Amino acid sequence: MASLDEEAPPEHGQDANLILPESLVPSPTHIQAHITTVGFDGLLRTPLRLKEDLAEGCGGKLWPAGMVLARYLLRIYGGSGGELLGGKKIIELGAGCGLVGLALALNNPASLTTPLYITDQTPMLSLMRENVLLNDLQDVVIPLVLDCILIAFVQADLHFMKKARKLFIVEHALDDPDRATYSRENIFLQVKTFNPFKLIFVRLL
């Protein structure tokens, strides 16, 4: 068996001159699937349990932008504010493992008079379903496949933002006390309104 510093023989179709030893370019570290508990510093009465698993794509982990959005929504709709969700139709686009939608539902499931939908591409569906069950939210949260959500981002984020400005009233969430902290990481929280719809989402630059 070859050592890590020895060059492995090239596979069929590979150029031997392009093969580098493992010691020079190590393989990326693969994070094993695991359960993470998130309480948002007490904003959730019952901590959210999420399975993180990158086997099917980068959406299978908790991203800082998702944490920012979830925390912001919990500050608005947490506690007695959960009553404000009554009658609203809520859909999370690009949910990944379901962090934001599940946190909102777990906060006050009785306040949801209509199902809350978490959506992503097909590879994420199984993970979303697991996390719904993990938090016993199957009666209020429905995971769905919605492939079209990524079209705008694939074409170009800036192109999407230009279109959005024409369709929505776009405002920065200036009322978020954490804004100064996460903006240093190029994370921006925006509220977009277009009657009767309201989008609250994070944007990375």
N, C-alpha and C. Protein backbone atom coordinates (compact mmCIF):
# COMPACT_ATOMS: atom_id res chain seq x y z
N MET A 1 0.85 -1.20 0.00
CA MET A 1 0.00 0.00 0.00
C MET A 1 0.88 1.24 0.00
N ALA A 2 0.56 2.21 -0.84
CA ALA A 2 1.36 3.43 -0.94
C ALA A 2 1.16 4.30 0.29
N SER A 3 2.23 5.00 0.71
CA SER A 3 2.11 5.92 1.83
C SER A 3 1.41 7.19 1.36
N LEU A 4 1.02 8.05 2.31
CA LEU A 4 0.31 9.27 1.96
C LEU A 4 1.14 10.19 1.09
N ASP A 5 2.49 10.09 1.21
CA ASP A 5 3.36 10.99 0.47
C ASP A 5 3.73 10.45 -0.90
N GLU A 6 3.35 9.22 -1.18
CA GLU A 6 3.65 8.64 -2.48
C GLU A 6 2.53 8.98 -3.45
N GLU A 7 2.89 9.13 -4.71
CA GLU A 7 1.91 9.41 -5.72
C GLU A 7 1.21 8.13 -6.13
N ALA A 8 -0.11 8.14 -6.08
CA ALA A 8 -0.88 6.98 -6.53
C ALA A 8 -0.83 6.92 -8.05
N PRO A 9 -0.91 5.75 -8.62
CA PRO A 9 -0.91 5.64 -10.08
C PRO A 9 -2.10 6.36 -10.67
N PRO A 10 -1.92 7.03 -11.82
CA PRO A 10 -3.04 7.76 -12.41
C PRO A 10 -4.15 6.84 -12.86
N GLU A 11 -5.40 7.31 -12.67
CA GLU A 11 -6.53 6.55 -13.15
C GLU A 11 -6.68 6.78 -14.65
N HIS A 12 -7.49 5.95 -15.25
CA HIS A 12 -7.69 6.04 -16.70
C HIS A 12 -8.20 7.43 -17.10
N GLY A 13 -7.53 8.05 -18.05
CA GLY A 13 -7.96 9.35 -18.51
C GLY A 13 -7.35 10.51 -17.76
N GLN A 14 -6.58 10.25 -16.68
CA GLN A 14 -5.96 11.31 -15.91
C GLN A 14 -4.57 11.61 -16.43
N ASP A 15 -4.15 12.86 -16.31
CA ASP A 15 -2.81 13.27 -16.67
C ASP A 15 -1.93 13.13 -15.44
N ALA A 16 -0.89 12.29 -15.53
CA ALA A 16 -0.02 12.04 -14.39
C ALA A 16 0.65 13.31 -13.89
N ASN A 17 0.85 14.30 -14.78
CA ASN A 17 1.50 15.55 -14.39
C ASN A 17 0.60 16.41 -13.50
N LEU A 18 -0.70 16.11 -13.48
CA LEU A 18 -1.64 16.91 -12.71
C LEU A 18 -1.96 16.31 -11.35
N ILE A 19 -1.40 15.15 -11.04
CA ILE A 19 -1.68 14.47 -9.78
C ILE A 19 -0.69 14.94 -8.72
N LEU A 20 -1.21 15.45 -7.60
CA LEU A 20 -0.37 15.95 -6.51
C LEU A 20 -0.47 15.01 -5.32
N PRO A 21 0.60 14.88 -4.55
CA PRO A 21 0.57 14.00 -3.38
C PRO A 21 -0.39 14.50 -2.32
N GLU A 22 -0.92 13.58 -1.53
CA GLU A 22 -1.88 13.89 -0.48
C GLU A 22 -1.30 14.88 0.53
N SER A 23 0.01 14.80 0.80
CA SER A 23 0.62 15.69 1.79
C SER A 23 0.61 17.14 1.33
N LEU A 24 0.60 17.36 0.01
CA LEU A 24 0.61 18.70 -0.52
C LEU A 24 -0.80 19.29 -0.62
N VAL A 25 -1.74 18.48 -1.09
CA VAL A 25 -3.13 18.90 -1.22
C VAL A 25 -4.02 17.88 -0.53
N PRO A 26 -4.17 17.98 0.80
CA PRO A 26 -4.97 16.98 1.52
C PRO A 26 -6.44 17.03 1.13
N SER A 27 -7.09 15.88 1.21
CA SER A 27 -8.52 15.82 0.93
C SER A 27 -9.27 16.63 1.97
N PRO A 28 -10.42 17.24 1.60
CA PRO A 28 -11.19 18.01 2.58
C PRO A 28 -11.71 17.13 3.70
N THR A 29 -11.80 17.73 4.89
CA THR A 29 -12.34 17.00 6.03
C THR A 29 -13.86 16.90 5.90
N HIS A 30 -14.35 15.69 5.96
CA HIS A 30 -15.79 15.49 5.81
C HIS A 30 -16.44 15.40 7.20
N ILE A 31 -17.39 16.29 7.45
CA ILE A 31 -18.07 16.33 8.74
C ILE A 31 -19.10 15.21 8.79
N GLN A 32 -19.04 14.42 9.83
CA GLN A 32 -19.99 13.33 10.00
C GLN A 32 -21.36 13.90 10.39
N ALA A 33 -22.40 13.20 9.98
CA ALA A 33 -23.76 13.60 10.35
C ALA A 33 -23.90 13.60 11.88
N HIS A 34 -24.56 14.60 12.42
CA HIS A 34 -24.72 14.71 13.86
C HIS A 34 -25.93 15.56 14.19
N ILE A 35 -26.36 15.49 15.44
CA ILE A 35 -27.50 16.28 15.92
C ILE A 35 -26.98 17.51 16.66
N THR A 36 -27.51 18.67 16.29
CA THR A 36 -27.15 19.93 16.94
C THR A 36 -28.38 20.49 17.66
N THR A 37 -28.17 21.01 18.85
CA THR A 37 -29.26 21.63 19.62
C THR A 37 -29.06 23.14 19.64
N VAL A 38 -30.12 23.86 19.29
CA VAL A 38 -30.05 25.32 19.20
C VAL A 38 -31.17 25.94 20.04
N GLY A 39 -30.81 26.83 20.95
CA GLY A 39 -31.81 27.48 21.79
C GLY A 39 -31.94 28.96 21.57
N PHE A 40 -31.02 29.54 20.77
CA PHE A 40 -31.03 30.98 20.49
C PHE A 40 -31.05 31.80 21.78
N ASP A 41 -30.19 31.41 22.70
CA ASP A 41 -30.03 32.16 23.96
C ASP A 41 -31.34 32.38 24.69
N GLY A 42 -32.17 31.35 24.72
CA GLY A 42 -33.42 31.41 25.47
C GLY A 42 -34.61 31.92 24.70
N LEU A 43 -34.42 32.31 23.44
CA LEU A 43 -35.57 32.77 22.65
C LEU A 43 -36.54 31.63 22.37
N LEU A 44 -36.02 30.41 22.34
CA LEU A 44 -36.88 29.23 22.21
C LEU A 44 -37.08 28.60 23.58
N ARG A 45 -38.32 28.39 23.96
CA ARG A 45 -38.59 27.74 25.24
C ARG A 45 -38.11 26.30 25.22
N THR A 46 -38.33 25.62 24.08
CA THR A 46 -37.84 24.25 23.88
C THR A 46 -36.75 24.30 22.82
N PRO A 47 -35.52 23.90 23.14
CA PRO A 47 -34.44 23.96 22.15
C PRO A 47 -34.78 23.15 20.89
N LEU A 48 -34.35 23.66 19.77
CA LEU A 48 -34.55 23.01 18.48
C LEU A 48 -33.44 21.98 18.27
N ARG A 49 -33.83 20.79 17.83
CA ARG A 49 -32.85 19.74 17.53
C ARG A 49 -32.80 19.56 16.01
N LEU A 50 -31.61 19.64 15.46
CA LEU A 50 -31.45 19.53 14.02
C LEU A 50 -30.35 18.55 13.66
N LYS A 51 -30.65 17.70 12.71
CA LYS A 51 -29.63 16.83 12.17
C LYS A 51 -28.90 17.59 11.07
N GLU A 52 -27.58 17.67 11.20
CA GLU A 52 -26.76 18.26 10.14
C GLU A 52 -26.10 17.13 9.37
N ASP A 53 -26.20 17.17 8.07
CA ASP A 53 -25.65 16.11 7.23
C ASP A 53 -25.34 16.68 5.86
N LEU A 54 -24.06 16.71 5.50
CA LEU A 54 -23.63 17.28 4.23
C LEU A 54 -23.56 16.26 3.11
N ALA A 55 -24.07 15.06 3.35
CA ALA A 55 -23.98 13.99 2.36
C ALA A 55 -24.67 14.35 1.05
N GLU A 56 -25.75 15.13 1.14
CA GLU A 56 -26.53 15.47 -0.07
C GLU A 56 -26.35 16.91 -0.54
N GLY A 57 -25.42 17.63 0.12
CA GLY A 57 -25.20 18.99 -0.34
C GLY A 57 -24.94 19.96 0.81
N CYS A 58 -24.50 21.17 0.45
CA CYS A 58 -24.10 22.16 1.46
C CYS A 58 -25.28 22.69 2.26
N GLY A 59 -26.51 22.44 1.80
CA GLY A 59 -27.67 22.89 2.56
C GLY A 59 -27.89 22.11 3.85
N GLY A 60 -27.14 21.03 4.03
CA GLY A 60 -27.35 20.17 5.19
C GLY A 60 -26.64 20.61 6.45
N LYS A 61 -26.23 21.87 6.54
CA LYS A 61 -25.59 22.36 7.76
C LYS A 61 -26.22 23.68 8.17
N LEU A 62 -25.92 24.11 9.39
CA LEU A 62 -26.40 25.41 9.87
C LEU A 62 -25.45 26.49 9.37
N TRP A 63 -26.00 27.47 8.68
CA TRP A 63 -25.20 28.57 8.17
C TRP A 63 -25.46 29.82 9.01
N PRO A 64 -24.43 30.68 9.18
CA PRO A 64 -24.61 31.90 9.99
C PRO A 64 -25.78 32.76 9.54
N ALA A 65 -26.02 32.87 8.23
CA ALA A 65 -27.12 33.69 7.75
C ALA A 65 -28.46 33.15 8.22
N GLY A 66 -28.60 31.84 8.25
CA GLY A 66 -29.84 31.23 8.74
C GLY A 66 -30.05 31.49 10.22
N MET A 67 -28.96 31.47 10.98
CA MET A 67 -29.06 31.77 12.40
C MET A 67 -29.50 33.22 12.62
N VAL A 68 -28.99 34.13 11.80
CA VAL A 68 -29.38 35.54 11.90
C VAL A 68 -30.87 35.71 11.63
N LEU A 69 -31.35 35.09 10.56
CA LEU A 69 -32.75 35.22 10.20
C LEU A 69 -33.67 34.60 11.25
N ALA A 70 -33.31 33.41 11.72
CA ALA A 70 -34.14 32.74 12.72
C ALA A 70 -34.22 33.56 14.01
N ARG A 71 -33.08 34.08 14.44
CA ARG A 71 -33.06 34.88 15.67
C ARG A 71 -33.93 36.13 15.53
N TYR A 72 -33.86 36.78 14.37
CA TYR A 72 -34.65 37.99 14.13
C TYR A 72 -36.14 37.68 14.19
N LEU A 73 -36.55 36.61 13.54
CA LEU A 73 -37.97 36.25 13.53
C LEU A 73 -38.46 35.84 14.91
N LEU A 74 -37.61 35.16 15.67
CA LEU A 74 -38.01 34.76 17.02
C LEU A 74 -38.18 35.97 17.93
N ARG A 75 -37.40 37.01 17.70
CA ARG A 75 -37.56 38.23 18.50
C ARG A 75 -38.91 38.89 18.21
N ILE A 76 -39.37 38.78 16.95
CA ILE A 76 -40.65 39.39 16.59
C ILE A 76 -41.82 38.52 17.03
N TYR A 77 -41.72 37.23 16.75
CA TYR A 77 -42.85 36.33 16.96
C TYR A 77 -42.68 35.43 18.18
N GLY A 78 -41.63 35.62 18.94
CA GLY A 78 -41.44 34.81 20.14
C GLY A 78 -42.41 35.18 21.24
N GLY A 79 -42.62 34.27 22.19
CA GLY A 79 -43.52 34.53 23.31
C GLY A 79 -44.92 34.84 22.85
N SER A 80 -45.48 35.93 23.38
CA SER A 80 -46.85 36.30 23.02
C SER A 80 -46.94 36.77 21.58
N GLY A 81 -45.78 37.12 20.98
CA GLY A 81 -45.77 37.53 19.59
C GLY A 81 -46.14 36.41 18.64
N GLY A 82 -46.15 35.19 19.14
CA GLY A 82 -46.52 34.06 18.31
C GLY A 82 -47.95 34.16 17.79
N GLU A 83 -48.78 34.91 18.51
CA GLU A 83 -50.17 35.08 18.08
C GLU A 83 -50.26 35.83 16.75
N LEU A 84 -49.21 36.59 16.42
CA LEU A 84 -49.20 37.35 15.18
C LEU A 84 -49.12 36.44 13.95
N LEU A 85 -48.75 35.18 14.17
CA LEU A 85 -48.63 34.24 13.05
C LEU A 85 -49.99 33.69 12.63
N GLY A 86 -50.98 33.84 13.48
CA GLY A 86 -52.30 33.27 13.19
C GLY A 86 -52.85 33.75 11.86
N GLY A 87 -53.23 32.80 10.99
CA GLY A 87 -53.81 33.13 9.71
C GLY A 87 -52.81 33.43 8.61
N LYS A 88 -51.52 33.53 8.95
CA LYS A 88 -50.51 33.82 7.93
C LYS A 88 -50.05 32.53 7.23
N LYS A 89 -49.77 32.66 5.95
CA LYS A 89 -49.22 31.54 5.19
C LYS A 89 -47.72 31.75 5.09
N ILE A 90 -46.96 30.79 5.61
CA ILE A 90 -45.51 30.95 5.69
C ILE A 90 -44.83 29.85 4.89
N ILE A 91 -43.87 30.25 4.04
CA ILE A 91 -43.09 29.29 3.27
C ILE A 91 -41.63 29.70 3.33
N GLU A 92 -40.77 28.77 3.69
CA GLU A 92 -39.33 29.05 3.72
C GLU A 92 -38.72 28.50 2.43
N LEU A 93 -38.03 29.37 1.70
CA LEU A 93 -37.37 28.98 0.46
C LEU A 93 -35.91 28.66 0.74
N GLY A 94 -35.43 27.58 0.16
CA GLY A 94 -34.03 27.20 0.37
C GLY A 94 -33.77 26.86 1.82
N ALA A 95 -34.62 26.03 2.41
CA ALA A 95 -34.59 25.76 3.85
C ALA A 95 -33.39 24.94 4.30
N GLY A 96 -32.78 24.19 3.38
CA GLY A 96 -31.67 23.32 3.79
C GLY A 96 -32.14 22.27 4.79
N CYS A 97 -31.61 22.31 5.99
CA CYS A 97 -32.04 21.35 7.02
C CYS A 97 -33.29 21.82 7.75
N GLY A 98 -33.77 23.04 7.44
CA GLY A 98 -35.05 23.50 8.00
C GLY A 98 -34.94 24.42 9.20
N LEU A 99 -33.77 24.96 9.45
CA LEU A 99 -33.52 25.75 10.66
C LEU A 99 -34.56 26.83 10.92
N VAL A 100 -34.76 27.73 9.98
CA VAL A 100 -35.59 28.92 10.23
C VAL A 100 -37.06 28.55 10.42
N GLY A 101 -37.60 27.78 9.47
CA GLY A 101 -39.00 27.41 9.56
C GLY A 101 -39.32 26.58 10.80
N LEU A 102 -38.44 25.65 11.13
CA LEU A 102 -38.67 24.80 12.29
C LEU A 102 -38.55 25.58 13.60
N ALA A 103 -37.62 26.52 13.65
CA ALA A 103 -37.50 27.35 14.85
C ALA A 103 -38.76 28.17 15.07
N LEU A 104 -39.29 28.72 14.00
CA LEU A 104 -40.50 29.53 14.09
C LEU A 104 -41.69 28.68 14.52
N ALA A 105 -41.78 27.48 13.98
CA ALA A 105 -42.89 26.59 14.32
C ALA A 105 -42.77 26.07 15.75
N LEU A 106 -41.56 25.74 16.16
CA LEU A 106 -41.36 25.20 17.50
C LEU A 106 -41.63 26.24 18.57
N ASN A 107 -41.42 27.49 18.24
CA ASN A 107 -41.64 28.58 19.18
C ASN A 107 -43.05 28.59 19.74
N ASN A 108 -44.03 28.38 18.87
CA ASN A 108 -45.43 28.40 19.32
C ASN A 108 -46.29 27.67 18.28
N PRO A 109 -46.21 26.34 18.23
CA PRO A 109 -46.93 25.59 17.19
C PRO A 109 -48.44 25.80 17.22
N ALA A 110 -49.00 26.08 18.38
CA ALA A 110 -50.45 26.26 18.47
C ALA A 110 -50.92 27.52 17.75
N SER A 111 -49.99 28.48 17.51
CA SER A 111 -50.37 29.72 16.87
C SER A 111 -50.51 29.57 15.35
N LEU A 112 -49.98 28.48 14.80
CA LEU A 112 -50.03 28.27 13.35
C LEU A 112 -51.38 27.66 12.97
N THR A 113 -52.21 28.47 12.36
CA THR A 113 -53.54 27.98 11.96
C THR A 113 -53.52 27.37 10.56
N THR A 114 -52.42 27.59 9.84
CA THR A 114 -52.22 26.96 8.53
C THR A 114 -50.84 26.33 8.53
N PRO A 115 -50.59 25.31 7.70
CA PRO A 115 -49.28 24.66 7.70
C PRO A 115 -48.15 25.64 7.35
N LEU A 116 -46.99 25.42 7.93
CA LEU A 116 -45.79 26.16 7.58
C LEU A 116 -44.98 25.25 6.65
N TYR A 117 -44.59 25.76 5.50
CA TYR A 117 -43.88 24.95 4.51
C TYR A 117 -42.40 25.28 4.51
N ILE A 118 -41.58 24.24 4.55
CA ILE A 118 -40.13 24.42 4.35
C ILE A 118 -39.78 23.73 3.04
N THR A 119 -39.05 24.42 2.17
CA THR A 119 -38.81 23.90 0.83
C THR A 119 -37.34 23.98 0.45
N ASP A 120 -36.96 23.07 -0.42
CA ASP A 120 -35.61 23.08 -0.99
C ASP A 120 -35.59 22.13 -2.17
N GLN A 121 -34.41 21.86 -2.70
CA GLN A 121 -34.30 20.92 -3.81
C GLN A 121 -34.42 19.49 -3.30
N THR A 122 -34.60 18.58 -4.23
CA THR A 122 -34.85 17.17 -3.90
C THR A 122 -33.83 16.56 -2.94
N PRO A 123 -32.52 16.80 -3.09
CA PRO A 123 -31.56 16.18 -2.18
C PRO A 123 -31.76 16.51 -0.70
N MET A 124 -32.41 17.64 -0.42
CA MET A 124 -32.61 18.06 0.97
C MET A 124 -33.91 17.54 1.59
N LEU A 125 -34.77 16.94 0.78
CA LEU A 125 -36.10 16.56 1.26
C LEU A 125 -36.03 15.57 2.42
N SER A 126 -35.20 14.56 2.30
CA SER A 126 -35.10 13.55 3.36
C SER A 126 -34.64 14.17 4.68
N LEU A 127 -33.66 15.06 4.60
CA LEU A 127 -33.15 15.69 5.81
C LEU A 127 -34.20 16.60 6.44
N MET A 128 -34.93 17.33 5.62
CA MET A 128 -36.00 18.18 6.16
C MET A 128 -37.04 17.33 6.88
N ARG A 129 -37.40 16.20 6.27
CA ARG A 129 -38.39 15.32 6.89
C ARG A 129 -37.89 14.79 8.23
N GLU A 130 -36.62 14.40 8.28
CA GLU A 130 -36.04 13.89 9.53
C GLU A 130 -36.12 14.95 10.63
N ASN A 131 -35.81 16.18 10.29
CA ASN A 131 -35.79 17.24 11.31
C ASN A 131 -37.18 17.65 11.75
N VAL A 132 -38.15 17.54 10.86
CA VAL A 132 -39.54 17.77 11.27
C VAL A 132 -39.94 16.75 12.33
N LEU A 133 -39.64 15.49 12.08
CA LEU A 133 -39.99 14.42 13.02
C LEU A 133 -39.19 14.53 14.31
N LEU A 134 -37.94 14.95 14.18
CA LEU A 134 -37.06 15.07 15.34
C LEU A 134 -37.61 16.05 16.37
N ASN A 135 -38.37 17.04 15.88
CA ASN A 135 -38.94 18.05 16.76
C ASN A 135 -40.46 17.90 16.94
N ASP A 136 -40.99 16.77 16.47
CA ASP A 136 -42.42 16.45 16.63
C ASP A 136 -43.30 17.56 16.06
N LEU A 137 -42.94 18.05 14.87
CA LEU A 137 -43.68 19.15 14.26
C LEU A 137 -44.42 18.71 12.99
N GLN A 138 -44.61 17.41 12.83
CA GLN A 138 -45.23 16.90 11.61
C GLN A 138 -46.68 17.35 11.43
N ASP A 139 -47.31 17.82 12.49
CA ASP A 139 -48.70 18.29 12.38
C ASP A 139 -48.79 19.73 11.88
N VAL A 140 -47.69 20.47 11.92
CA VAL A 140 -47.75 21.89 11.54
C VAL A 140 -46.75 22.28 10.44
N VAL A 141 -45.72 21.44 10.22
CA VAL A 141 -44.70 21.78 9.22
C VAL A 141 -44.69 20.73 8.11
N ILE A 142 -44.72 21.21 6.86
CA ILE A 142 -44.72 20.31 5.70
C ILE A 142 -43.49 20.59 4.84
N PRO A 143 -42.58 19.62 4.70
CA PRO A 143 -41.42 19.80 3.82
C PRO A 143 -41.80 19.47 2.37
N LEU A 144 -41.36 20.32 1.44
CA LEU A 144 -41.68 20.14 0.03
C LEU A 144 -40.46 20.39 -0.84
N VAL A 145 -40.49 19.84 -2.05
CA VAL A 145 -39.46 20.12 -3.05
C VAL A 145 -39.93 21.29 -3.90
N LEU A 146 -39.07 22.31 -4.01
CA LEU A 146 -39.38 23.46 -4.83
C LEU A 146 -38.09 23.88 -5.53
N ASP A 147 -37.80 23.23 -6.65
CA ASP A 147 -36.53 23.45 -7.35
C ASP A 147 -36.38 24.84 -7.93
N CYS A 148 -37.49 25.47 -8.27
CA CYS A 148 -37.40 26.73 -9.00
C CYS A 148 -36.82 27.86 -8.17
N ILE A 149 -36.72 27.68 -6.85
CA ILE A 149 -36.27 28.77 -6.00
C ILE A 149 -34.83 29.18 -6.28
N LEU A 150 -34.04 28.29 -6.86
CA LEU A 150 -32.63 28.60 -7.05
C LEU A 150 -32.34 29.26 -8.39
N ILE A 151 -33.33 29.40 -9.23
CA ILE A 151 -33.09 29.93 -10.56
C ILE A 151 -32.45 31.31 -10.50
N ALA A 152 -33.02 32.18 -9.70
CA ALA A 152 -32.50 33.55 -9.63
C ALA A 152 -31.07 33.58 -9.13
N PHE A 153 -30.76 32.72 -8.16
CA PHE A 153 -29.43 32.75 -7.59
C PHE A 153 -28.40 32.11 -8.52
N VAL A 154 -28.84 31.14 -9.31
CA VAL A 154 -27.94 30.53 -10.29
C VAL A 154 -27.60 31.54 -11.37
N GLN A 155 -28.59 32.31 -11.81
CA GLN A 155 -28.35 33.29 -12.85
C GLN A 155 -27.42 34.39 -12.35
N ALA A 156 -27.67 34.89 -11.19
CA ALA A 156 -26.80 35.89 -10.55
C ALA A 156 -27.58 36.58 -9.45
N ASP A 157 -26.95 36.65 -8.28
CA ASP A 157 -27.63 37.26 -7.14
C ASP A 157 -27.93 38.73 -7.39
N LEU A 158 -27.00 39.45 -8.02
CA LEU A 158 -27.22 40.87 -8.26
C LEU A 158 -28.37 41.10 -9.24
N HIS A 159 -28.49 40.21 -10.22
CA HIS A 159 -29.60 40.31 -11.17
C HIS A 159 -30.92 40.14 -10.44
N PHE A 160 -30.95 39.17 -9.52
CA PHE A 160 -32.16 38.93 -8.73
C PHE A 160 -32.52 40.15 -7.89
N MET A 161 -31.49 40.76 -7.28
CA MET A 161 -31.75 41.90 -6.41
C MET A 161 -32.29 43.09 -7.21
N LYS A 162 -31.79 43.31 -8.42
CA LYS A 162 -32.30 44.40 -9.25
C LYS A 162 -33.77 44.19 -9.59
N LYS A 163 -34.13 42.93 -9.92
CA LYS A 163 -35.53 42.62 -10.22
C LYS A 163 -36.39 42.81 -8.98
N ALA A 164 -35.87 42.37 -7.83
CA ALA A 164 -36.64 42.44 -6.59
C ALA A 164 -36.95 43.88 -6.21
N ARG A 165 -36.00 44.78 -6.46
CA ARG A 165 -36.22 46.19 -6.10
C ARG A 165 -37.36 46.81 -6.89
N LYS A 166 -37.61 46.29 -8.09
CA LYS A 166 -38.70 46.81 -8.90
C LYS A 166 -40.06 46.26 -8.46
N LEU A 167 -40.05 45.06 -7.86
CA LEU A 167 -41.29 44.41 -7.49
C LEU A 167 -41.67 44.62 -6.03
N PHE A 168 -40.67 44.83 -5.18
CA PHE A 168 -40.91 44.90 -3.74
C PHE A 168 -40.43 46.23 -3.18
N ILE A 169 -41.01 46.59 -2.06
CA ILE A 169 -40.46 47.67 -1.24
C ILE A 169 -39.36 47.04 -0.38
N VAL A 170 -38.12 47.45 -0.59
CA VAL A 170 -36.98 46.81 0.07
C VAL A 170 -36.46 47.71 1.19
N GLU A 171 -36.39 47.15 2.40
CA GLU A 171 -35.90 47.90 3.55
C GLU A 171 -34.92 47.04 4.34
N HIS A 172 -33.88 47.65 4.86
CA HIS A 172 -32.98 46.94 5.76
C HIS A 172 -33.64 46.85 7.14
N ALA A 173 -33.41 45.73 7.81
CA ALA A 173 -33.98 45.53 9.15
C ALA A 173 -33.12 46.29 10.16
N LEU A 174 -33.36 47.58 10.26
CA LEU A 174 -32.55 48.42 11.13
C LEU A 174 -32.85 48.22 12.61
N ASP A 175 -33.97 47.53 12.89
CA ASP A 175 -34.38 47.33 14.28
C ASP A 175 -33.72 46.12 14.92
N ASP A 176 -32.86 45.41 14.19
CA ASP A 176 -32.24 44.22 14.75
C ASP A 176 -31.03 44.61 15.60
N PRO A 177 -31.03 44.30 16.90
CA PRO A 177 -29.92 44.70 17.76
C PRO A 177 -28.59 44.03 17.40
N ASP A 178 -28.63 42.94 16.65
CA ASP A 178 -27.40 42.24 16.27
C ASP A 178 -26.84 42.73 14.94
N ARG A 179 -27.46 43.72 14.34
CA ARG A 179 -27.10 44.14 12.99
C ARG A 179 -25.63 44.52 12.86
N ALA A 180 -25.11 45.27 13.81
CA ALA A 180 -23.72 45.72 13.74
C ALA A 180 -22.75 44.54 13.74
N THR A 181 -23.12 43.47 14.44
CA THR A 181 -22.25 42.30 14.54
C THR A 181 -22.20 41.52 13.24
N TYR A 182 -23.36 41.12 12.71
CA TYR A 182 -23.33 40.26 11.52
C TYR A 182 -23.04 41.03 10.23
N SER A 183 -23.25 42.33 10.22
CA SER A 183 -22.93 43.10 9.00
C SER A 183 -21.42 43.12 8.76
N ARG A 184 -20.64 42.94 9.82
CA ARG A 184 -19.18 42.87 9.65
C ARG A 184 -18.78 41.60 8.91
N GLU A 185 -19.68 40.62 8.88
CA GLU A 185 -19.43 39.37 8.15
C GLU A 185 -20.11 39.39 6.78
N ASN A 186 -20.52 40.60 6.33
CA ASN A 186 -21.20 40.75 5.04
C ASN A 186 -22.51 39.99 4.97
N ILE A 187 -23.22 39.96 6.08
CA ILE A 187 -24.57 39.41 6.14
C ILE A 187 -25.53 40.58 6.33
N PHE A 188 -26.55 40.64 5.48
CA PHE A 188 -27.50 41.75 5.53
C PHE A 188 -28.91 41.22 5.59
N LEU A 189 -29.67 41.70 6.54
CA LEU A 189 -31.05 41.27 6.73
C LEU A 189 -31.98 42.31 6.12
N GLN A 190 -32.85 41.86 5.21
CA GLN A 190 -33.73 42.78 4.51
C GLN A 190 -35.18 42.31 4.60
N VAL A 191 -36.08 43.28 4.59
CA VAL A 191 -37.52 43.01 4.57
C VAL A 191 -38.06 43.52 3.24
N LYS A 192 -38.74 42.65 2.51
CA LYS A 192 -39.30 43.02 1.21
C LYS A 192 -40.82 42.86 1.27
N THR A 193 -41.53 43.90 0.92
CA THR A 193 -42.99 43.90 1.01
C THR A 193 -43.60 44.13 -0.37
N PHE A 194 -44.57 43.32 -0.69
CA PHE A 194 -45.33 43.46 -1.93
C PHE A 194 -46.70 42.88 -1.65
N ASN A 195 -47.68 43.74 -1.41
CA ASN A 195 -49.00 43.26 -0.98
C ASN A 195 -49.52 42.16 -1.90
N PRO A 196 -50.00 41.04 -1.32
CA PRO A 196 -50.13 40.78 0.12
C PRO A 196 -48.96 39.97 0.69
N PHE A 197 -47.80 40.03 0.05
CA PHE A 197 -46.68 39.19 0.45
C PHE A 197 -45.64 40.01 1.21
N LYS A 198 -44.94 39.31 2.12
CA LYS A 198 -43.85 39.92 2.86
C LYS A 198 -42.72 38.90 2.94
N LEU A 199 -41.54 39.30 2.46
CA LEU A 199 -40.38 38.42 2.50
C LEU A 199 -39.38 39.00 3.50
N ILE A 200 -38.86 38.14 4.36
CA ILE A 200 -37.80 38.54 5.26
C ILE A 200 -36.66 37.56 5.03
N PHE A 201 -35.51 38.06 4.58
CA PHE A 201 -34.45 37.12 4.27
C PHE A 201 -33.08 37.78 4.44
N VAL A 202 -32.07 36.91 4.48
CA VAL A 202 -30.70 37.39 4.64
C VAL A 202 -30.01 37.32 3.30
N ARG A 203 -29.04 38.20 3.14
CA ARG A 203 -28.30 38.28 1.90
C ARG A 203 -26.83 38.33 2.21
N LEU A 204 -26.03 37.59 1.46
CA LEU A 204 -24.59 37.59 1.64
C LEU A 204 -23.92 38.37 0.53
N LEU A 205 -22.91 39.17 0.87
CA LEU A 205 -22.15 39.90 -0.14
C LEU A 205 -20.69 39.48 -0.08
